Amino acid sequence: MNESLSPSAQKVQNSLHAQGFDCSVVELPASTRTAQEAADACGCTLGQIVKSLIFRGKSSGQAVLALVSGSNRVSEARLAQVLGEAVEKADGDFVRAQTGFAIGGVPPLGHIQILRTVIDADLLQYDHIWAAAGTPHAVFQLSAASLQPMTGGQVAEIKQAG
């Protein structure tokens, strides 16, 4: 156990190890709350940042995790097509209740319940990507190829055109 990690970041580190992934969570002095802040702090391109966005199904009320390249915006229409129902962006209370994490630090795994996950196909063009790890200052690097096995997510074209 890494004594220097905050409880939320340690929870993500524990989830990574429990699933057999050899990734190390790091907490940075700079904020990683936004994709641009994370790219600057990690020294990578904006596209290599995994944005973890929580949506709510309009008819089911279920939480959906969209893992999106930092340089892309989600097309709610495309996401709705993949899911078979319209979606809306979730508020902070819903995000915390469904994931156990606050907006700005939602990781791709380690949530308090299993979430239906959709992965932006653009993330797979990179060798390595960076994801949030429980707090607005915590991240971990992973291979893009491991994102789908890590999350059980469905890869789809969900970015806005243009």
N, C-alpha and C. Protein backbone atom coordinates (compact mmCIF):
# COMPACT_ATOMS: atom_id res chain seq x y z
N MET A 1 0.85 -1.19 0.00
CA MET A 1 0.00 0.00 0.00
C MET A 1 0.89 1.24 0.00
N ASN A 2 0.54 2.17 -0.85
CA ASN A 2 1.29 3.42 -0.93
C ASN A 2 0.77 4.38 0.14
N GLU A 3 1.58 4.62 1.15
CA GLU A 3 1.16 5.45 2.28
C GLU A 3 0.86 6.89 1.88
N SER A 4 1.43 7.35 0.76
CA SER A 4 1.30 8.76 0.41
C SER A 4 0.03 9.07 -0.38
N LEU A 5 -0.73 8.08 -0.80
CA LEU A 5 -1.94 8.35 -1.57
C LEU A 5 -3.11 8.70 -0.67
N SER A 6 -3.95 9.61 -1.15
CA SER A 6 -5.18 9.94 -0.44
C SER A 6 -6.10 8.72 -0.48
N PRO A 7 -7.11 8.65 0.40
CA PRO A 7 -7.99 7.47 0.42
C PRO A 7 -8.65 7.16 -0.92
N SER A 8 -9.13 8.18 -1.62
CA SER A 8 -9.78 7.93 -2.92
C SER A 8 -8.79 7.40 -3.95
N ALA A 9 -7.60 7.98 -4.00
CA ALA A 9 -6.58 7.51 -4.94
C ALA A 9 -6.14 6.08 -4.57
N GLN A 10 -6.04 5.79 -3.29
CA GLN A 10 -5.66 4.45 -2.85
C GLN A 10 -6.72 3.43 -3.26
N LYS A 11 -7.99 3.83 -3.21
CA LYS A 11 -9.08 2.95 -3.62
C LYS A 11 -8.91 2.56 -5.10
N VAL A 12 -8.52 3.53 -5.92
CA VAL A 12 -8.29 3.25 -7.35
C VAL A 12 -7.07 2.34 -7.51
N GLN A 13 -5.99 2.64 -6.77
CA GLN A 13 -4.79 1.78 -6.84
C GLN A 13 -5.14 0.35 -6.45
N ASN A 14 -5.93 0.18 -5.41
CA ASN A 14 -6.33 -1.15 -4.97
C ASN A 14 -7.16 -1.86 -6.04
N SER A 15 -8.05 -1.13 -6.71
CA SER A 15 -8.87 -1.71 -7.78
C SER A 15 -8.00 -2.16 -8.95
N LEU A 16 -7.01 -1.35 -9.30
CA LEU A 16 -6.10 -1.72 -10.39
C LEU A 16 -5.37 -3.02 -10.05
N HIS A 17 -4.82 -3.10 -8.85
CA HIS A 17 -4.09 -4.30 -8.45
C HIS A 17 -5.02 -5.51 -8.35
N ALA A 18 -6.22 -5.31 -7.83
CA ALA A 18 -7.18 -6.42 -7.69
C ALA A 18 -7.55 -7.00 -9.05
N GLN A 19 -7.57 -6.15 -10.09
CA GLN A 19 -7.90 -6.61 -11.44
C GLN A 19 -6.66 -7.08 -12.21
N GLY A 20 -5.49 -7.02 -11.57
CA GLY A 20 -4.28 -7.52 -12.20
C GLY A 20 -3.57 -6.53 -13.12
N PHE A 21 -3.88 -5.25 -12.98
CA PHE A 21 -3.23 -4.24 -13.81
C PHE A 21 -2.06 -3.62 -13.06
N ASP A 22 -0.91 -3.57 -13.72
CA ASP A 22 0.31 -3.06 -13.11
C ASP A 22 0.47 -1.58 -13.43
N CYS A 23 -0.48 -0.79 -12.96
CA CYS A 23 -0.47 0.66 -13.16
C CYS A 23 -0.26 1.30 -11.80
N SER A 24 0.43 2.43 -11.79
CA SER A 24 0.68 3.13 -10.54
C SER A 24 -0.02 4.48 -10.51
N VAL A 25 -0.84 4.67 -9.51
CA VAL A 25 -1.51 5.95 -9.31
C VAL A 25 -0.49 6.94 -8.76
N VAL A 26 -0.50 8.14 -9.32
CA VAL A 26 0.35 9.22 -8.81
C VAL A 26 -0.54 10.42 -8.51
N GLU A 27 -0.20 11.10 -7.43
CA GLU A 27 -0.88 12.34 -7.11
C GLU A 27 0.08 13.49 -7.40
N LEU A 28 -0.40 14.43 -8.19
CA LEU A 28 0.43 15.53 -8.68
C LEU A 28 0.09 16.82 -7.95
N PRO A 29 1.07 17.71 -7.83
CA PRO A 29 0.78 19.00 -7.19
C PRO A 29 -0.18 19.86 -8.02
N ALA A 30 -0.11 19.71 -9.33
CA ALA A 30 -0.98 20.48 -10.22
C ALA A 30 -2.33 19.78 -10.35
N SER A 31 -3.37 20.57 -10.57
CA SER A 31 -4.71 20.01 -10.76
C SER A 31 -4.79 19.24 -12.07
N THR A 32 -5.54 18.16 -12.05
CA THR A 32 -5.84 17.40 -13.26
C THR A 32 -7.35 17.35 -13.48
N ARG A 33 -8.05 18.32 -12.90
CA ARG A 33 -9.52 18.33 -12.96
C ARG A 33 -10.04 18.43 -14.39
N THR A 34 -9.41 19.27 -15.22
CA THR A 34 -9.84 19.38 -16.62
C THR A 34 -8.86 18.58 -17.48
N ALA A 35 -9.30 18.24 -18.68
CA ALA A 35 -8.44 17.48 -19.59
C ALA A 35 -7.17 18.26 -19.92
N GLN A 36 -7.29 19.57 -20.13
CA GLN A 36 -6.10 20.37 -20.46
C GLN A 36 -5.14 20.42 -19.28
N GLU A 37 -5.66 20.61 -18.06
CA GLU A 37 -4.80 20.60 -16.88
C GLU A 37 -4.09 19.26 -16.74
N ALA A 38 -4.83 18.18 -16.99
CA ALA A 38 -4.23 16.85 -16.88
C ALA A 38 -3.14 16.64 -17.92
N ALA A 39 -3.38 17.07 -19.16
CA ALA A 39 -2.38 16.93 -20.22
C ALA A 39 -1.11 17.71 -19.87
N ASP A 40 -1.30 18.92 -19.35
CA ASP A 40 -0.16 19.74 -18.96
C ASP A 40 0.62 19.07 -17.83
N ALA A 41 -0.09 18.56 -16.84
CA ALA A 41 0.55 17.94 -15.67
C ALA A 41 1.24 16.63 -16.03
N CYS A 42 0.68 15.88 -16.98
CA CYS A 42 1.23 14.57 -17.35
C CYS A 42 2.27 14.67 -18.47
N GLY A 43 2.34 15.82 -19.14
CA GLY A 43 3.27 15.97 -20.24
C GLY A 43 2.88 15.16 -21.46
N CYS A 44 1.59 15.11 -21.74
CA CYS A 44 1.11 14.36 -22.90
C CYS A 44 0.18 15.24 -23.74
N THR A 45 -0.31 14.70 -24.83
CA THR A 45 -1.24 15.46 -25.67
C THR A 45 -2.62 15.43 -25.03
N LEU A 46 -3.44 16.39 -25.39
CA LEU A 46 -4.81 16.45 -24.88
C LEU A 46 -5.58 15.18 -25.22
N GLY A 47 -5.36 14.64 -26.41
CA GLY A 47 -6.07 13.44 -26.84
C GLY A 47 -5.76 12.21 -26.00
N GLN A 48 -4.62 12.20 -25.30
CA GLN A 48 -4.23 11.05 -24.48
C GLN A 48 -4.86 11.05 -23.09
N ILE A 49 -5.63 12.08 -22.79
CA ILE A 49 -6.33 12.14 -21.51
C ILE A 49 -7.68 11.46 -21.65
N VAL A 50 -8.01 10.60 -20.70
CA VAL A 50 -9.31 9.93 -20.67
C VAL A 50 -10.25 10.77 -19.81
N LYS A 51 -11.24 11.38 -20.45
CA LYS A 51 -12.27 12.09 -19.68
C LYS A 51 -13.31 11.05 -19.26
N SER A 52 -13.60 11.00 -17.96
CA SER A 52 -14.63 10.09 -17.44
C SER A 52 -15.89 10.91 -17.20
N LEU A 53 -16.86 10.77 -18.09
CA LEU A 53 -18.08 11.56 -18.02
C LEU A 53 -19.26 10.66 -17.66
N ILE A 54 -20.04 11.10 -16.70
CA ILE A 54 -21.20 10.31 -16.28
C ILE A 54 -22.47 10.94 -16.86
N PHE A 55 -23.24 10.09 -17.51
CA PHE A 55 -24.54 10.47 -18.04
C PHE A 55 -25.61 9.65 -17.34
N ARG A 56 -26.85 10.13 -17.44
CA ARG A 56 -27.99 9.40 -16.88
C ARG A 56 -28.94 9.08 -18.02
N GLY A 57 -29.34 7.82 -18.11
CA GLY A 57 -30.34 7.44 -19.11
C GLY A 57 -31.65 8.13 -18.78
N LYS A 58 -32.25 8.80 -19.77
CA LYS A 58 -33.47 9.57 -19.51
C LYS A 58 -34.65 8.69 -19.14
N SER A 59 -34.75 7.50 -19.70
CA SER A 59 -35.88 6.64 -19.34
C SER A 59 -35.53 5.67 -18.22
N SER A 60 -34.32 5.13 -18.22
CA SER A 60 -33.94 4.13 -17.22
C SER A 60 -33.44 4.75 -15.92
N GLY A 61 -32.90 5.98 -16.01
CA GLY A 61 -32.30 6.60 -14.84
C GLY A 61 -30.95 6.02 -14.47
N GLN A 62 -30.46 5.08 -15.29
CA GLN A 62 -29.20 4.41 -14.99
C GLN A 62 -28.00 5.28 -15.36
N ALA A 63 -26.93 5.13 -14.56
CA ALA A 63 -25.69 5.83 -14.84
C ALA A 63 -24.95 5.15 -15.98
N VAL A 64 -24.34 5.96 -16.83
CA VAL A 64 -23.52 5.48 -17.94
C VAL A 64 -22.20 6.23 -17.86
N LEU A 65 -21.10 5.50 -17.97
CA LEU A 65 -19.77 6.09 -17.98
C LEU A 65 -19.29 6.18 -19.42
N ALA A 66 -19.01 7.39 -19.89
CA ALA A 66 -18.42 7.59 -21.21
C ALA A 66 -16.95 7.95 -20.99
N LEU A 67 -16.06 7.14 -21.54
CA LEU A 67 -14.62 7.39 -21.47
C LEU A 67 -14.21 8.00 -22.80
N VAL A 68 -13.84 9.28 -22.76
CA VAL A 68 -13.71 10.07 -23.97
C VAL A 68 -12.31 10.68 -24.07
N SER A 69 -11.76 10.69 -25.27
CA SER A 69 -10.48 11.34 -25.52
C SER A 69 -10.59 12.81 -25.13
N GLY A 70 -9.56 13.31 -24.46
CA GLY A 70 -9.56 14.69 -23.96
C GLY A 70 -9.78 15.74 -25.02
N SER A 71 -9.46 15.44 -26.26
CA SER A 71 -9.63 16.42 -27.33
C SER A 71 -11.01 16.37 -27.96
N ASN A 72 -11.86 15.44 -27.52
CA ASN A 72 -13.19 15.28 -28.11
C ASN A 72 -14.30 15.73 -27.17
N ARG A 73 -15.42 16.06 -27.78
CA ARG A 73 -16.67 16.29 -27.05
C ARG A 73 -17.60 15.13 -27.38
N VAL A 74 -18.42 14.76 -26.42
CA VAL A 74 -19.36 13.65 -26.64
C VAL A 74 -20.57 14.14 -27.42
N SER A 75 -20.96 13.36 -28.40
CA SER A 75 -22.23 13.58 -29.08
C SER A 75 -23.28 12.79 -28.28
N GLU A 76 -24.16 13.51 -27.59
CA GLU A 76 -25.20 12.81 -26.83
C GLU A 76 -26.10 11.99 -27.75
N ALA A 77 -26.28 12.44 -28.99
CA ALA A 77 -27.10 11.70 -29.94
C ALA A 77 -26.42 10.36 -30.30
N ARG A 78 -25.12 10.39 -30.54
CA ARG A 78 -24.40 9.15 -30.85
C ARG A 78 -24.37 8.22 -29.65
N LEU A 79 -24.16 8.79 -28.47
CA LEU A 79 -24.16 7.98 -27.26
C LEU A 79 -25.53 7.34 -27.06
N ALA A 80 -26.58 8.10 -27.29
CA ALA A 80 -27.95 7.57 -27.17
C ALA A 80 -28.19 6.43 -28.16
N GLN A 81 -27.64 6.54 -29.36
CA GLN A 81 -27.77 5.47 -30.35
C GLN A 81 -27.13 4.18 -29.84
N VAL A 82 -25.95 4.30 -29.28
CA VAL A 82 -25.23 3.14 -28.75
C VAL A 82 -26.02 2.50 -27.61
N LEU A 83 -26.57 3.34 -26.74
CA LEU A 83 -27.26 2.85 -25.54
C LEU A 83 -28.70 2.44 -25.77
N GLY A 84 -29.32 2.97 -26.82
CA GLY A 84 -30.72 2.67 -27.07
C GLY A 84 -31.67 3.52 -26.24
N GLU A 85 -31.18 4.60 -25.66
CA GLU A 85 -32.03 5.55 -24.94
C GLU A 85 -31.33 6.91 -24.89
N ALA A 86 -32.13 7.95 -24.80
CA ALA A 86 -31.58 9.30 -24.68
C ALA A 86 -30.86 9.43 -23.34
N VAL A 87 -29.88 10.33 -23.32
CA VAL A 87 -29.09 10.55 -22.10
C VAL A 87 -29.05 12.03 -21.77
N GLU A 88 -28.73 12.31 -20.50
CA GLU A 88 -28.48 13.69 -20.08
C GLU A 88 -27.26 13.67 -19.19
N LYS A 89 -26.55 14.79 -19.16
CA LYS A 89 -25.36 14.91 -18.30
C LYS A 89 -25.81 14.84 -16.85
N ALA A 90 -25.09 14.09 -16.05
CA ALA A 90 -25.45 13.92 -14.64
C ALA A 90 -24.89 15.06 -13.79
N ASP A 91 -25.57 15.35 -12.69
CA ASP A 91 -25.05 16.37 -11.77
C ASP A 91 -24.11 15.73 -10.76
N GLY A 92 -23.43 16.58 -10.00
CA GLY A 92 -22.40 16.11 -9.07
C GLY A 92 -22.90 15.13 -8.03
N ASP A 93 -24.11 15.35 -7.51
CA ASP A 93 -24.65 14.45 -6.50
C ASP A 93 -24.89 13.06 -7.09
N PHE A 94 -25.45 13.01 -8.30
CA PHE A 94 -25.69 11.73 -8.97
C PHE A 94 -24.38 11.01 -9.25
N VAL A 95 -23.37 11.77 -9.72
CA VAL A 95 -22.06 11.18 -10.03
C VAL A 95 -21.47 10.53 -8.78
N ARG A 96 -21.46 11.26 -7.68
CA ARG A 96 -20.89 10.71 -6.44
C ARG A 96 -21.69 9.51 -5.95
N ALA A 97 -23.02 9.57 -6.04
CA ALA A 97 -23.86 8.47 -5.57
C ALA A 97 -23.65 7.20 -6.40
N GLN A 98 -23.40 7.35 -7.70
CA GLN A 98 -23.26 6.20 -8.59
C GLN A 98 -21.84 5.65 -8.64
N THR A 99 -20.83 6.52 -8.43
CA THR A 99 -19.44 6.09 -8.59
C THR A 99 -18.65 6.05 -7.29
N GLY A 100 -19.04 6.88 -6.33
CA GLY A 100 -18.24 7.02 -5.11
C GLY A 100 -17.16 8.07 -5.24
N PHE A 101 -17.13 8.77 -6.37
CA PHE A 101 -16.10 9.78 -6.63
C PHE A 101 -16.76 11.09 -7.06
N ALA A 102 -16.03 12.20 -6.84
CA ALA A 102 -16.52 13.51 -7.25
C ALA A 102 -16.11 13.80 -8.69
N ILE A 103 -16.90 14.64 -9.36
CA ILE A 103 -16.56 15.10 -10.71
C ILE A 103 -15.15 15.69 -10.66
N GLY A 104 -14.35 15.40 -11.68
CA GLY A 104 -12.98 15.88 -11.73
C GLY A 104 -11.98 14.82 -11.30
N GLY A 105 -12.47 13.73 -10.72
CA GLY A 105 -11.59 12.67 -10.29
C GLY A 105 -12.14 11.27 -10.57
N VAL A 106 -13.21 11.19 -11.35
CA VAL A 106 -13.85 9.89 -11.60
C VAL A 106 -12.92 9.02 -12.44
N PRO A 107 -12.52 7.86 -11.91
CA PRO A 107 -11.65 6.95 -12.65
C PRO A 107 -12.47 6.03 -13.56
N PRO A 108 -11.80 5.28 -14.43
CA PRO A 108 -12.53 4.35 -15.29
C PRO A 108 -12.92 3.05 -14.58
N LEU A 109 -12.45 2.84 -13.36
CA LEU A 109 -12.77 1.62 -12.61
C LEU A 109 -12.83 1.96 -11.13
N GLY A 110 -13.25 0.97 -10.31
CA GLY A 110 -13.28 1.15 -8.87
C GLY A 110 -14.52 1.85 -8.35
N HIS A 111 -15.58 1.87 -9.14
CA HIS A 111 -16.82 2.53 -8.73
C HIS A 111 -17.57 1.66 -7.71
N ILE A 112 -18.51 2.27 -7.01
CA ILE A 112 -19.26 1.53 -5.99
C ILE A 112 -20.25 0.55 -6.61
N GLN A 113 -20.49 0.68 -7.90
CA GLN A 113 -21.31 -0.30 -8.62
C GLN A 113 -20.81 -0.40 -10.06
N ILE A 114 -21.18 -1.47 -10.71
CA ILE A 114 -20.76 -1.65 -12.11
C ILE A 114 -21.59 -0.72 -12.98
N LEU A 115 -20.88 0.04 -13.82
CA LEU A 115 -21.54 0.99 -14.71
C LEU A 115 -21.44 0.52 -16.15
N ARG A 116 -22.50 0.74 -16.91
CA ARG A 116 -22.41 0.52 -18.35
C ARG A 116 -21.42 1.55 -18.88
N THR A 117 -20.43 1.09 -19.65
CA THR A 117 -19.34 1.95 -20.08
C THR A 117 -19.21 1.94 -21.59
N VAL A 118 -19.05 3.14 -22.15
CA VAL A 118 -18.83 3.30 -23.58
C VAL A 118 -17.50 4.05 -23.75
N ILE A 119 -16.63 3.50 -24.59
CA ILE A 119 -15.28 4.03 -24.80
C ILE A 119 -15.20 4.72 -26.17
N ASP A 120 -14.75 5.95 -26.18
CA ASP A 120 -14.51 6.70 -27.40
C ASP A 120 -13.44 5.97 -28.22
N ALA A 121 -13.78 5.57 -29.43
CA ALA A 121 -12.85 4.82 -30.29
C ALA A 121 -11.54 5.57 -30.52
N ASP A 122 -11.57 6.90 -30.46
CA ASP A 122 -10.35 7.69 -30.70
C ASP A 122 -9.26 7.41 -29.68
N LEU A 123 -9.62 6.96 -28.48
CA LEU A 123 -8.60 6.67 -27.46
C LEU A 123 -7.67 5.54 -27.89
N LEU A 124 -8.17 4.64 -28.73
CA LEU A 124 -7.40 3.44 -29.09
C LEU A 124 -6.26 3.72 -30.07
N GLN A 125 -6.17 4.95 -30.57
CA GLN A 125 -5.08 5.29 -31.49
C GLN A 125 -3.76 5.53 -30.76
N TYR A 126 -3.81 5.67 -29.44
CA TYR A 126 -2.61 5.99 -28.66
C TYR A 126 -2.02 4.73 -28.04
N ASP A 127 -0.70 4.73 -27.88
CA ASP A 127 -0.06 3.63 -27.15
C ASP A 127 -0.40 3.71 -25.67
N HIS A 128 -0.25 4.91 -25.12
CA HIS A 128 -0.50 5.12 -23.69
C HIS A 128 -1.45 6.29 -23.49
N ILE A 129 -2.30 6.16 -22.49
CA ILE A 129 -3.25 7.21 -22.14
C ILE A 129 -3.20 7.41 -20.63
N TRP A 130 -3.79 8.50 -20.17
CA TRP A 130 -3.81 8.85 -18.75
C TRP A 130 -5.25 9.00 -18.30
N ALA A 131 -5.58 8.42 -17.15
CA ALA A 131 -6.94 8.49 -16.61
C ALA A 131 -6.93 9.05 -15.20
N ALA A 132 -8.06 9.62 -14.80
CA ALA A 132 -8.23 10.12 -13.43
C ALA A 132 -8.19 8.94 -12.46
N ALA A 133 -7.75 9.25 -11.24
CA ALA A 133 -7.59 8.19 -10.25
C ALA A 133 -8.16 8.57 -8.89
N GLY A 134 -9.38 9.11 -8.90
CA GLY A 134 -10.09 9.30 -7.65
C GLY A 134 -10.13 10.70 -7.08
N THR A 135 -9.19 11.56 -7.46
CA THR A 135 -9.19 12.95 -6.98
C THR A 135 -8.79 13.86 -8.14
N PRO A 136 -9.01 15.17 -8.01
CA PRO A 136 -8.60 16.11 -9.07
C PRO A 136 -7.09 16.26 -9.20
N HIS A 137 -6.31 15.53 -8.42
CA HIS A 137 -4.84 15.58 -8.51
C HIS A 137 -4.22 14.22 -8.79
N ALA A 138 -5.04 13.18 -8.93
CA ALA A 138 -4.52 11.82 -9.08
C ALA A 138 -4.80 11.28 -10.48
N VAL A 139 -3.79 10.62 -11.06
CA VAL A 139 -3.90 10.03 -12.39
C VAL A 139 -3.12 8.72 -12.43
N PHE A 140 -3.37 7.94 -13.46
CA PHE A 140 -2.51 6.80 -13.74
C PHE A 140 -2.41 6.62 -15.24
N GLN A 141 -1.25 6.10 -15.66
CA GLN A 141 -1.02 5.84 -17.08
C GLN A 141 -1.35 4.38 -17.36
N LEU A 142 -1.94 4.13 -18.53
CA LEU A 142 -2.25 2.77 -18.93
C LEU A 142 -2.12 2.66 -20.44
N SER A 143 -2.02 1.44 -20.91
CA SER A 143 -2.01 1.26 -22.37
C SER A 143 -3.45 1.40 -22.84
N ALA A 144 -3.64 2.03 -23.98
CA ALA A 144 -4.98 2.21 -24.52
C ALA A 144 -5.65 0.86 -24.74
N ALA A 145 -4.86 -0.14 -25.11
CA ALA A 145 -5.41 -1.47 -25.36
C ALA A 145 -5.98 -2.11 -24.11
N SER A 146 -5.55 -1.68 -22.94
CA SER A 146 -6.05 -2.29 -21.70
C SER A 146 -7.34 -1.62 -21.20
N LEU A 147 -7.75 -0.51 -21.79
CA LEU A 147 -8.93 0.20 -21.30
C LEU A 147 -10.20 -0.64 -21.42
N GLN A 148 -10.38 -1.32 -22.53
CA GLN A 148 -11.59 -2.12 -22.71
C GLN A 148 -11.62 -3.30 -21.74
N PRO A 149 -10.54 -4.10 -21.62
CA PRO A 149 -10.58 -5.20 -20.64
C PRO A 149 -10.71 -4.69 -19.19
N MET A 150 -10.17 -3.53 -18.91
CA MET A 150 -10.23 -2.96 -17.55
C MET A 150 -11.65 -2.57 -17.17
N THR A 151 -12.41 -2.07 -18.14
CA THR A 151 -13.73 -1.51 -17.84
C THR A 151 -14.89 -2.37 -18.33
N GLY A 152 -14.62 -3.29 -19.24
CA GLY A 152 -15.71 -4.04 -19.86
C GLY A 152 -16.53 -3.16 -20.78
N GLY A 153 -15.97 -2.01 -21.16
CA GLY A 153 -16.70 -1.04 -21.97
C GLY A 153 -16.84 -1.44 -23.42
N GLN A 154 -17.80 -0.81 -24.06
CA GLN A 154 -18.07 -1.00 -25.48
C GLN A 154 -17.40 0.14 -26.24
N VAL A 155 -16.56 -0.19 -27.20
CA VAL A 155 -15.90 0.83 -28.01
C VAL A 155 -16.86 1.30 -29.09
N ALA A 156 -17.00 2.62 -29.23
CA ALA A 156 -17.93 3.18 -30.22
C ALA A 156 -17.49 4.57 -30.64
N GLU A 157 -18.02 5.02 -31.77
CA GLU A 157 -17.78 6.38 -32.26
C GLU A 157 -18.81 7.28 -31.56
N ILE A 158 -18.37 8.01 -30.54
CA ILE A 158 -19.30 8.84 -29.77
C ILE A 158 -18.92 10.31 -29.75
N LYS A 159 -17.89 10.69 -30.50
CA LYS A 159 -17.48 12.10 -30.49
C LYS A 159 -18.37 12.91 -31.40
N GLN A 160 -18.46 14.21 -31.07
CA GLN A 160 -19.20 15.13 -31.92
C GLN A 160 -18.44 15.31 -33.22
N ALA A 161 -19.17 15.39 -34.29
CA ALA A 161 -18.55 15.63 -35.59
C ALA A 161 -18.08 17.07 -35.67
N GLY A 162 -17.05 17.28 -36.52
CA GLY A 162 -16.60 18.63 -36.78
C GLY A 162 -15.59 19.09 -35.82
